[in-house]
Amino acid sequence: MNKILSSMVIAFILTGCAPMNSIIDNNSETEPDIDMSTIPSGIFTYYDDPAQYHLPVEYFLIGKFVTQNDCLLFEHNNELYTPVLPAKYTKYTKGDAQITVNKEVYNIGETGDISAQPLEKEYIGNFITEGPSHCLLDKLMKIEVRGVKLP
């Protein structure tokens, strides 16, 4: 009886010690189905799932997009942030005088109300596209889509 019990314990220990990389994480984010050819490159973008429920409360900040050292940045209260934009809804090409987020058009350098919120790097998740590494500041500004009609 002791041999059977010992054998069961050893078998349990051996199967319980499988390599950690063989475990599948069912909670990990899935890759979004996005046509990468339509996404602006050279800036930091995130995936905004249009099926996700958006609360009616929106954050509006007074700020402006600026360019500095070949980086698109967001200025709010005289502080610079790296803007992280919704990939599927953003139209921008390096050197453009405007950036479009959904149907909102913002002139580079012009102050206005922008739907955005400051965010720490660890809460942004994975970037869909990334700009130059020197453009990724310690402070991020998540630019949000406003006026999206949910299905």
Protein backbone atom coordinates (compact mmCIF):
# COMPACT_ATOMS: atom_id res chain seq x y z
CA MET A 1 0.00 0.00 0.00
CA ASN A 2 2.83 2.39 0.82
CA LYS A 3 4.46 1.65 -2.56
CA ILE A 4 1.22 2.50 -4.40
CA LEU A 5 0.78 5.70 -2.41
CA SER A 6 4.42 6.65 -2.96
CA SER A 7 4.07 5.96 -6.70
CA MET A 8 0.97 8.18 -6.88
CA VAL A 9 2.73 11.00 -5.05
CA ILE A 10 5.78 10.76 -7.32
CA ALA A 11 3.57 10.72 -10.45
CA PHE A 12 1.67 13.76 -9.17
CA ILE A 13 4.89 15.61 -8.44
CA LEU A 14 6.32 14.80 -11.87
CA THR A 15 3.21 15.91 -13.74
CA GLY A 16 2.80 18.97 -11.53
CA CYS A 17 6.34 20.06 -12.35
CA ALA A 18 5.73 20.50 -16.07
CA PRO A 19 7.50 23.53 -17.57
CA MET A 20 5.62 26.78 -17.01
CA ASN A 21 5.84 27.77 -20.66
CA SER A 22 3.65 24.84 -21.63
CA ILE A 23 0.72 26.30 -19.71
CA ILE A 24 -1.67 28.29 -21.88
CA ASP A 25 -2.94 31.54 -20.43
CA ASN A 26 -6.61 31.79 -21.37
CA ASN A 27 -6.79 35.33 -20.00
CA SER A 28 -4.15 36.75 -22.33
CA GLU A 29 -5.21 39.38 -24.84
CA THR A 30 -6.04 38.13 -28.29
CA GLU A 31 -4.50 39.73 -31.31
CA PRO A 32 -6.94 42.17 -32.88
CA ASP A 33 -8.08 41.59 -36.43
CA ILE A 34 -6.77 44.79 -38.00
CA ASP A 35 -5.66 45.59 -41.52
CA MET A 36 -2.16 46.86 -40.69
CA SER A 37 -1.91 48.72 -44.02
CA THR A 38 -4.54 51.22 -42.83
CA ILE A 39 -2.84 52.00 -39.50
CA PRO A 40 -0.52 54.99 -39.26
CA SER A 41 3.06 54.02 -38.56
CA GLY A 42 5.62 55.99 -36.62
CA ILE A 43 3.24 56.69 -33.73
CA PHE A 44 2.12 54.68 -30.73
CA THR A 45 -1.30 53.08 -31.14
CA TYR A 46 -3.52 50.73 -29.18
CA TYR A 47 -6.44 48.54 -30.17
CA ASP A 48 -9.84 50.03 -29.35
CA ASP A 49 -12.49 47.34 -29.52
CA PRO A 50 -15.69 48.93 -30.89
CA ALA A 51 -17.73 46.10 -29.31
CA GLN A 52 -16.48 47.07 -25.86
CA TYR A 53 -18.94 49.04 -23.76
CA HIS A 54 -17.90 52.69 -23.42
CA LEU A 55 -19.22 54.61 -20.45
CA PRO A 56 -21.03 57.82 -21.37
CA VAL A 57 -18.66 59.84 -19.18
CA GLU A 58 -15.81 61.18 -21.28
CA TYR A 59 -12.61 62.86 -20.24
CA PHE A 60 -11.88 66.12 -22.00
CA LEU A 61 -8.56 67.87 -21.60
CA ILE A 62 -7.40 71.18 -22.94
CA GLY A 63 -4.24 70.40 -24.85
CA LYS A 64 -2.61 70.20 -28.22
CA PHE A 65 -0.60 67.87 -30.42
CA VAL A 66 2.92 69.12 -31.09
CA THR A 67 5.92 67.80 -32.98
CA GLN A 68 9.36 67.84 -31.45
CA ASN A 69 12.51 65.92 -32.48
CA ASP A 70 10.48 64.06 -35.14
CA CYS A 71 8.02 62.91 -32.46
CA LEU A 72 4.29 63.49 -32.25
CA LEU A 73 3.64 64.53 -28.64
CA PHE A 74 0.69 65.82 -26.66
CA GLU A 75 1.04 68.95 -24.51
CA HIS A 76 -1.23 69.48 -21.51
CA ASN A 77 -0.58 72.03 -18.73
CA ASN A 78 2.89 72.73 -20.16
CA GLU A 79 3.88 69.06 -19.81
CA LEU A 80 4.64 66.73 -22.71
CA TYR A 81 3.16 63.26 -23.06
CA THR A 82 3.51 60.52 -25.62
CA PRO A 83 0.05 60.19 -27.18
CA VAL A 84 -1.21 56.65 -27.60
CA LEU A 85 -3.94 56.66 -30.21
CA PRO A 86 -6.67 54.18 -31.17
CA ALA A 87 -5.14 52.32 -34.11
CA LYS A 88 -8.29 51.61 -36.06
CA TYR A 89 -9.62 55.17 -35.83
CA THR A 90 -6.49 57.29 -36.31
CA LYS A 91 -5.27 58.88 -39.54
CA TYR A 92 -1.90 60.56 -39.43
CA THR A 93 1.25 60.60 -41.52
CA LYS A 94 4.52 61.98 -40.22
CA GLY A 95 4.76 65.62 -41.23
CA ASP A 96 0.99 66.15 -41.56
CA ALA A 97 -0.49 69.37 -40.19
CA GLN A 98 -3.52 67.47 -38.88
CA ILE A 99 -4.37 64.28 -37.06
CA THR A 100 -7.78 62.63 -37.29
CA VAL A 101 -9.20 60.46 -34.51
CA ASN A 102 -12.49 58.97 -35.67
CA LYS A 103 -14.26 62.06 -37.06
CA GLU A 104 -12.43 64.61 -34.91
CA VAL A 105 -9.73 66.57 -36.75
CA TYR A 106 -7.02 68.24 -34.68
CA ASN A 107 -4.57 70.75 -36.12
CA ILE A 108 -1.02 70.16 -34.92
CA GLY A 109 -0.05 73.01 -32.59
CA GLU A 110 -3.63 74.23 -32.06
CA THR A 111 -5.10 74.03 -28.55
CA GLY A 112 -8.50 72.43 -28.12
CA ASP A 113 -10.70 70.00 -26.18
CA ILE A 114 -9.41 66.50 -26.66
CA SER A 115 -10.89 63.28 -25.30
CA ALA A 116 -7.87 61.93 -23.45
CA GLN A 117 -6.61 60.68 -20.12
CA PRO A 118 -3.11 60.36 -18.62
CA LEU A 119 -2.05 56.74 -18.24
CA GLU A 120 0.96 54.92 -16.85
CA LYS A 121 2.92 52.65 -19.18
CA GLU A 122 2.00 49.41 -17.41
CA TYR A 123 -1.73 50.02 -17.99
CA ILE A 124 -1.64 50.59 -21.73
CA GLY A 125 -1.21 46.93 -22.71
CA ASN A 126 0.50 46.09 -25.97
CA PHE A 127 1.08 48.72 -28.63
CA ILE A 128 -0.24 47.91 -32.09
CA THR A 129 2.33 50.20 -33.73
CA GLU A 130 5.25 51.94 -32.11
CA GLY A 131 7.01 55.16 -32.90
CA PRO A 132 10.73 55.77 -32.42
CA SER A 133 11.95 54.70 -28.97
CA HIS A 134 13.10 58.25 -28.12
CA CYS A 135 9.48 59.39 -28.55
CA LEU A 136 8.21 57.12 -25.77
CA LEU A 137 8.24 59.39 -22.73
CA ASP A 138 7.61 58.32 -19.14
CA LYS A 139 4.22 60.02 -19.31
CA LEU A 140 1.59 58.68 -21.70
CA MET A 141 -1.69 60.22 -22.81
CA LYS A 142 -4.33 57.79 -24.04
CA ILE A 143 -6.33 59.55 -26.73
CA GLU A 144 -9.85 58.15 -26.81
CA VAL A 145 -12.47 57.84 -29.49
CA ARG A 146 -15.55 59.96 -28.99
CA GLY A 147 -18.73 59.65 -30.91
CA VAL A 148 -18.38 55.95 -31.74
CA LYS A 149 -21.76 54.33 -32.19
CA LEU A 150 -21.76 50.84 -30.78
CA PRO A 151 -23.47 48.01 -32.65
